[in-house]
PDB file of all heavy atoms in Angstrom:
ATOM      1  N   ILE A   1      63.393  18.601  37.020  1.00  0.00           N
ATOM      2  CA  ILE A   1      63.806  17.681  35.978  1.00  0.00           C
ATOM      3  C   ILE A   1      64.194  18.607  34.800  1.00  0.00           C
ATOM      4  O   ILE A   1      63.331  19.332  34.322  1.00  0.00           O
ATOM      5  CB  ILE A   1      62.995  16.474  35.503  1.00  0.00           C
ATOM      6  CG1 ILE A   1      62.829  15.590  36.716  1.00  0.00           C
ATOM      7  CG2 ILE A   1      63.575  15.809  34.326  1.00  0.00           C
ATOM      8  CD1 ILE A   1      61.853  14.432  36.512  1.00  0.00           C
ATOM      9  N   TYR A   2      65.411  18.434  34.268  1.00  0.00           N
ATOM     10  CA  TYR A   2      65.798  19.136  33.001  1.00  0.00           C
ATOM     11  C   TYR A   2      66.129  18.056  31.983  1.00  0.00           C
ATOM     12  O   TYR A   2      66.533  16.980  32.310  1.00  0.00           O
ATOM     13  CB  TYR A   2      67.035  19.987  33.186  1.00  0.00           C
ATOM     14  CG  TYR A   2      66.968  21.155  34.033  1.00  0.00           C
ATOM     15  CD1 TYR A   2      68.080  21.648  34.677  1.00  0.00           C
ATOM     16  CD2 TYR A   2      65.826  21.849  34.251  1.00  0.00           C
ATOM     17  CE1 TYR A   2      67.917  22.713  35.542  1.00  0.00           C
ATOM     18  CE2 TYR A   2      65.641  22.793  35.094  1.00  0.00           C
ATOM     19  CZ  TYR A   2      66.777  23.381  35.810  1.00  0.00           C
ATOM     20  OH  TYR A   2      66.758  24.454  36.535  1.00  0.00           O
ATOM     21  N   ASP A   3      65.647  18.322  30.728  1.00  0.00           N
ATOM     22  CA  ASP A   3      66.098  17.398  29.569  1.00  0.00           C
ATOM     23  C   ASP A   3      66.360  18.236  28.440  1.00  0.00           C
ATOM     24  O   ASP A   3      65.901  19.381  28.158  1.00  0.00           O
ATOM     25  CB  ASP A   3      65.065  16.289  29.421  1.00  0.00           C
ATOM     26  CG  ASP A   3      63.640  16.799  29.202  1.00  0.00           C
ATOM     27  OD1 ASP A   3      63.449  17.912  28.800  1.00  0.00           O
ATOM     28  OD2 ASP A   3      62.652  16.008  29.528  1.00  0.00           O
ATOM     29  N   SER A   4      67.179  17.676  27.544  1.00  0.00           N
ATOM     30  CA  SER A   4      67.552  18.402  26.307  1.00  0.00           C
ATOM     31  C   SER A   4      66.427  18.261  25.295  1.00  0.00           C
ATOM     32  O   SER A   4      65.628  17.350  25.272  1.00  0.00           O
ATOM     33  CB  SER A   4      68.815  17.747  25.698  1.00  0.00           C
ATOM     34  OG  SER A   4      68.557  16.518  25.243  1.00  0.00           O
ATOM     35  N   ASP A   5      66.454  19.249  24.310  1.00  0.00           N
ATOM     36  CA  ASP A   5      65.424  19.323  23.226  1.00  0.00           C
ATOM     37  C   ASP A   5      65.562  18.011  22.505  1.00  0.00           C
ATOM     38  O   ASP A   5      64.471  17.557  21.910  1.00  0.00           O
ATOM     39  CB  ASP A   5      65.639  20.467  22.399  1.00  0.00           C
ATOM     40  CG  ASP A   5      65.217  21.785  23.060  1.00  0.00           C
ATOM     41  OD1 ASP A   5      64.562  21.677  24.146  1.00  0.00           O
ATOM     42  OD2 ASP A   5      65.639  22.835  22.651  1.00  0.00           O
ATOM     43  N   SER A   6      66.693  17.435  22.281  1.00  0.00           N
ATOM     44  CA  SER A   6      67.006  16.347  21.377  1.00  0.00           C
ATOM     45  C   SER A   6      66.315  15.028  21.862  1.00  0.00           C
ATOM     46  O   SER A   6      65.969  14.149  21.186  1.00  0.00           O
ATOM     47  CB  SER A   6      68.447  16.071  21.115  1.00  0.00           C
ATOM     48  OG  SER A   6      69.100  15.764  22.270  1.00  0.00           O
ATOM     49  N   VAL A   7      66.025  15.061  23.144  1.00  0.00           N
ATOM     50  CA  VAL A   7      65.574  13.713  23.787  1.00  0.00           C
ATOM     51  C   VAL A   7      64.164  13.997  24.462  1.00  0.00           C
ATOM     52  O   VAL A   7      63.536  13.035  24.961  1.00  0.00           O
ATOM     53  CB  VAL A   7      66.347  13.073  24.890  1.00  0.00           C
ATOM     54  CG1 VAL A   7      67.760  12.829  24.312  1.00  0.00           C
ATOM     55  CG2 VAL A   7      66.483  13.974  26.151  1.00  0.00           C
ATOM     56  N   LYS A   8      63.714  15.216  24.428  1.00  0.00           N
ATOM     57  CA  LYS A   8      62.417  15.544  25.060  1.00  0.00           C
ATOM     58  C   LYS A   8      61.316  14.785  24.542  1.00  0.00           C
ATOM     59  O   LYS A   8      61.151  14.605  23.402  1.00  0.00           O
ATOM     60  CB  LYS A   8      62.154  17.072  25.017  1.00  0.00           C
ATOM     61  CG  LYS A   8      60.916  17.559  25.785  1.00  0.00           C
ATOM     62  CD  LYS A   8      60.697  19.029  25.569  1.00  0.00           C
ATOM     63  CE  LYS A   8      59.548  19.542  26.476  1.00  0.00           C
ATOM     64  NZ  LYS A   8      59.748  19.218  27.845  1.00  0.00           N
ATOM     65  N   GLY A   9      60.525  14.220  25.429  1.00  0.00           N
ATOM     66  CA  GLY A   9      59.352  13.391  25.022  1.00  0.00           C
ATOM     67  C   GLY A   9      59.742  11.882  24.759  1.00  0.00           C
ATOM     68  O   GLY A   9      58.839  11.092  24.554  1.00  0.00           O
ATOM     69  N   ARG A  10      60.993  11.631  24.742  1.00  0.00           N
ATOM     70  CA  ARG A  10      61.437  10.288  24.462  1.00  0.00           C
ATOM     71  C   ARG A  10      62.081   9.627  25.641  1.00  0.00           C
ATOM     72  O   ARG A  10      62.056   8.431  25.914  1.00  0.00           O
ATOM     73  CB  ARG A  10      62.301  10.178  23.259  1.00  0.00           C
ATOM     74  CG  ARG A  10      61.627  10.644  21.949  1.00  0.00           C
ATOM     75  CD  ARG A  10      62.502  10.494  20.750  1.00  0.00           C
ATOM     76  NE  ARG A  10      63.791  11.056  20.796  1.00  0.00           N
ATOM     77  CZ  ARG A  10      65.011  10.540  20.767  1.00  0.00           C
ATOM     78  NH1 ARG A  10      65.120   9.175  20.718  1.00  0.00           N
ATOM     79  NH2 ARG A  10      66.049  11.263  20.723  1.00  0.00           N
ATOM     80  N   PHE A  11      62.934  10.406  26.333  1.00  0.00           N
ATOM     81  CA  PHE A  11      63.781   9.935  27.492  1.00  0.00           C
ATOM     82  C   PHE A  11      63.223  10.443  28.793  1.00  0.00           C
ATOM     83  O   PHE A  11      62.622  11.586  28.930  1.00  0.00           O
ATOM     84  CB  PHE A  11      65.222  10.469  27.441  1.00  0.00           C
ATOM     85  CG  PHE A  11      65.986   9.906  26.233  1.00  0.00           C
ATOM     86  CD1 PHE A  11      65.554   9.027  25.308  1.00  0.00           C
ATOM     87  CD2 PHE A  11      67.391  10.093  26.224  1.00  0.00           C
ATOM     88  CE1 PHE A  11      66.180   8.553  24.229  1.00  0.00           C
ATOM     89  CE2 PHE A  11      68.198   9.572  25.169  1.00  0.00           C
ATOM     90  CZ  PHE A  11      67.537   8.751  24.018  1.00  0.00           C
ATOM     91  N   THR A  12      63.236   9.622  29.881  1.00  0.00           N
ATOM     92  CA  THR A  12      62.842  10.013  31.087  1.00  0.00           C
ATOM     93  C   THR A  12      63.861   9.699  32.192  1.00  0.00           C
ATOM     94  O   THR A  12      64.292   8.502  32.330  1.00  0.00           O
ATOM     95  CB  THR A  12      61.528   9.251  31.462  1.00  0.00           C
ATOM     96  OG1 THR A  12      60.528   9.648  30.539  1.00  0.00           O
ATOM     97  CG2 THR A  12      61.002   9.799  32.891  1.00  0.00           C
ATOM     98  N   ILE A  13      64.341  10.691  33.066  1.00  0.00           N
ATOM     99  CA  ILE A  13      65.227  10.517  34.118  1.00  0.00           C
ATOM    100  C   ILE A  13      64.398  10.312  35.344  1.00  0.00           C
ATOM    101  O   ILE A  13      63.300  11.033  35.564  1.00  0.00           O
ATOM    102  CB  ILE A  13      66.274  11.657  34.177  1.00  0.00           C
ATOM    103  CG1 ILE A  13      67.279  11.341  35.087  1.00  0.00           C
ATOM    104  CG2 ILE A  13      65.516  12.959  34.515  1.00  0.00           C
ATOM    105  CD1 ILE A  13      68.480  12.258  35.191  1.00  0.00           C
ATOM    106  N   SER A  14      64.947   9.400  36.200  1.00  0.00           N
ATOM    107  CA  SER A  14      64.284   9.217  37.455  1.00  0.00           C
ATOM    108  C   SER A  14      65.291   8.746  38.580  1.00  0.00           C
ATOM    109  O   SER A  14      66.482   8.377  38.044  1.00  0.00           O
ATOM    110  CB  SER A  14      63.087   8.249  37.402  1.00  0.00           C
ATOM    111  OG  SER A  14      63.508   6.968  37.028  1.00  0.00           O
ATOM    112  N   ARG A  15      64.972   8.827  39.779  1.00  0.00           N
ATOM    113  CA  ARG A  15      65.984   8.261  40.766  1.00  0.00           C
ATOM    114  C   ARG A  15      65.200   7.643  41.923  1.00  0.00           C
ATOM    115  O   ARG A  15      64.083   7.931  42.227  1.00  0.00           O
ATOM    116  CB  ARG A  15      66.821   9.465  41.285  1.00  0.00           C
ATOM    117  CG  ARG A  15      66.142  10.496  42.116  1.00  0.00           C
ATOM    118  CD  ARG A  15      67.111  11.686  42.293  1.00  0.00           C
ATOM    119  NE  ARG A  15      68.177  11.246  43.275  1.00  0.00           N
ATOM    120  CZ  ARG A  15      69.220  12.153  43.539  1.00  0.00           C
ATOM    121  NH1 ARG A  15      69.385  13.372  42.830  1.00  0.00           N
ATOM    122  NH2 ARG A  15      70.091  11.935  44.354  1.00  0.00           N
ATOM    123  N   ASP A  16      65.964   6.556  42.422  1.00  0.00           N
ATOM    124  CA  ASP A  16      65.348   5.894  43.637  1.00  0.00           C
ATOM    125  C   ASP A  16      66.437   6.056  44.759  1.00  0.00           C
ATOM    126  O   ASP A  16      67.492   5.349  44.728  1.00  0.00           O
ATOM    127  CB  ASP A  16      65.193   4.412  43.288  1.00  0.00           C
ATOM    128  CG  ASP A  16      64.493   3.599  44.383  1.00  0.00           C
ATOM    129  OD1 ASP A  16      64.629   4.088  45.575  1.00  0.00           O
ATOM    130  OD2 ASP A  16      63.872   2.593  44.074  1.00  0.00           O
ATOM    131  N   ASN A  17      66.131   6.997  45.628  1.00  0.00           N
ATOM    132  CA  ASN A  17      67.072   7.297  46.662  1.00  0.00           C
ATOM    133  C   ASN A  17      67.417   6.112  47.631  1.00  0.00           C
ATOM    134  O   ASN A  17      68.451   6.056  48.090  1.00  0.00           O
ATOM    135  CB  ASN A  17      66.701   8.524  47.354  1.00  0.00           C
ATOM    136  CG  ASN A  17      66.818   9.800  46.565  1.00  0.00           C
ATOM    137  OD1 ASN A  17      67.548   9.882  45.577  1.00  0.00           O
ATOM    138  ND2 ASN A  17      66.177  10.829  47.002  1.00  0.00           N
ATOM    139  N   ALA A  18      66.466   5.369  47.767  1.00  0.00           N
ATOM    140  CA  ALA A  18      66.496   4.166  48.713  1.00  0.00           C
ATOM    141  C   ALA A  18      67.478   3.174  48.081  1.00  0.00           C
ATOM    142  O   ALA A  18      68.191   2.446  48.887  1.00  0.00           O
ATOM    143  CB  ALA A  18      65.133   3.479  48.980  1.00  0.00           C
ATOM    144  N   LYS A  19      67.595   3.158  46.732  1.00  0.00           N
ATOM    145  CA  LYS A  19      68.542   2.291  46.138  1.00  0.00           C
ATOM    146  C   LYS A  19      69.842   2.909  45.677  1.00  0.00           C
ATOM    147  O   LYS A  19      70.650   2.405  45.058  1.00  0.00           O
ATOM    148  CB  LYS A  19      67.895   1.574  45.009  1.00  0.00           C
ATOM    149  CG  LYS A  19      66.682   0.688  45.330  1.00  0.00           C
ATOM    150  CD  LYS A  19      66.200  -0.019  44.121  1.00  0.00           C
ATOM    151  CE  LYS A  19      64.917  -0.959  44.554  1.00  0.00           C
ATOM    152  NZ  LYS A  19      64.411  -1.536  43.277  1.00  0.00           N
ATOM    153  N   ASN A  20      69.939   4.212  45.968  1.00  0.00           N
ATOM    154  CA  ASN A  20      71.060   5.030  45.496  1.00  0.00           C
ATOM    155  C   ASN A  20      71.280   4.748  43.972  1.00  0.00           C
ATOM    156  O   ASN A  20      72.443   4.586  43.500  1.00  0.00           O
ATOM    157  CB  ASN A  20      72.372   4.686  46.240  1.00  0.00           C
ATOM    158  CG  ASN A  20      72.413   5.294  47.606  1.00  0.00           C
ATOM    159  OD1 ASN A  20      71.428   5.834  48.050  1.00  0.00           O
ATOM    160  ND2 ASN A  20      73.409   5.039  48.335  1.00  0.00           N
ATOM    161  N   THR A  21      70.304   4.963  43.205  1.00  0.00           N
ATOM    162  CA  THR A  21      70.296   4.541  41.751  1.00  0.00           C
ATOM    163  C   THR A  21      69.540   5.622  41.060  1.00  0.00           C
ATOM    164  O   THR A  21      68.428   6.199  41.370  1.00  0.00           O
ATOM    165  CB  THR A  21      69.827   3.284  41.487  1.00  0.00           C
ATOM    166  OG1 THR A  21      70.531   2.358  42.056  1.00  0.00           O
ATOM    167  CG2 THR A  21      69.816   2.916  39.989  1.00  0.00           C
ATOM    168  N   VAL A  22      70.007   6.048  39.828  1.00  0.00           N
ATOM    169  CA  VAL A  22      69.473   6.914  38.858  1.00  0.00           C
ATOM    170  C   VAL A  22      69.196   6.139  37.662  1.00  0.00           C
ATOM    171  O   VAL A  22      70.066   5.381  37.251  1.00  0.00           O
ATOM    172  CB  VAL A  22      70.104   8.248  38.774  1.00  0.00           C
ATOM    173  CG1 VAL A  22      71.616   8.000  38.086  1.00  0.00           C
ATOM    174  CG2 VAL A  22      69.370   9.302  37.920  1.00  0.00           C
ATOM    175  N   TYR A  23      68.062   6.503  36.922  1.00  0.00           N
ATOM    176  CA  TYR A  23      67.825   5.765  35.764  1.00  0.00           C
ATOM    177  C   TYR A  23      67.570   6.695  34.568  1.00  0.00           C
ATOM    178  O   TYR A  23      67.215   7.816  34.754  1.00  0.00           O
ATOM    179  CB  TYR A  23      66.514   4.933  35.909  1.00  0.00           C
ATOM    180  CG  TYR A  23      66.497   4.023  37.009  1.00  0.00           C
ATOM    181  CD1 TYR A  23      65.929   4.310  38.278  1.00  0.00           C
ATOM    182  CD2 TYR A  23      66.983   2.758  36.994  1.00  0.00           C
ATOM    183  CE1 TYR A  23      66.041   3.458  39.435  1.00  0.00           C
ATOM    184  CE2 TYR A  23      67.093   1.750  38.075  1.00  0.00           C
ATOM    185  CZ  TYR A  23      66.426   2.221  39.250  1.00  0.00           C
ATOM    186  OH  TYR A  23      66.453   1.363  40.385  1.00  0.00           O
ATOM    187  N   LEU A  24      67.739   6.206  33.341  1.00  0.00           N
ATOM    188  CA  LEU A  24      67.297   6.902  32.146  1.00  0.00           C
ATOM    189  C   LEU A  24      66.571   5.886  31.271  1.00  0.00           C
ATOM    190  O   LEU A  24      67.234   5.021  30.676  1.00  0.00           O
ATOM    191  CB  LEU A  24      68.626   7.423  31.465  1.00  0.00           C
ATOM    192  CG  LEU A  24      68.288   8.294  30.209  1.00  0.00           C
ATOM    193  CD1 LEU A  24      67.795   9.633  30.634  1.00  0.00           C
ATOM    194  CD2 LEU A  24      69.575   8.469  29.342  1.00  0.00           C
TER     195      LEU A  24
END
Protein backbone atom coordinates (compact mmCIF):
# COMPACT_ATOMS: atom_id res chain seq x y z
CA ILE A 1 0.00 0.00 0.00
CA TYR A 2 1.23 3.47 -0.91
CA ASP A 3 -0.27 6.68 0.35
CA SER A 4 0.63 10.31 0.02
CA ASP A 5 2.11 12.39 2.81
CA SER A 6 -0.92 14.67 2.76
CA VAL A 7 -3.31 11.86 3.75
CA LYS A 8 -1.03 9.52 5.68
CA GLY A 9 -2.58 8.51 8.97
CA ARG A 10 -6.02 9.76 7.93
CA PHE A 11 -6.98 7.81 4.79
CA THR A 12 -6.93 4.05 4.33
CA ILE A 13 -7.19 2.19 1.04
CA SER A 14 -8.47 -1.37 0.90
CA ARG A 15 -9.94 -3.78 -1.61
CA ASP A 16 -12.35 -6.68 -1.61
CA ASN A 17 -11.54 -8.87 -4.58
CA ALA A 18 -14.63 -11.03 -4.07
CA LYS A 19 -16.75 -7.91 -4.61
CA ASN A 20 -14.48 -6.35 -7.24
CA THR A 21 -14.43 -3.20 -5.14
CA VAL A 22 -11.78 -0.85 -3.79
CA TYR A 23 -12.44 1.52 -0.91
CA LEU A 24 -11.00 4.72 0.46
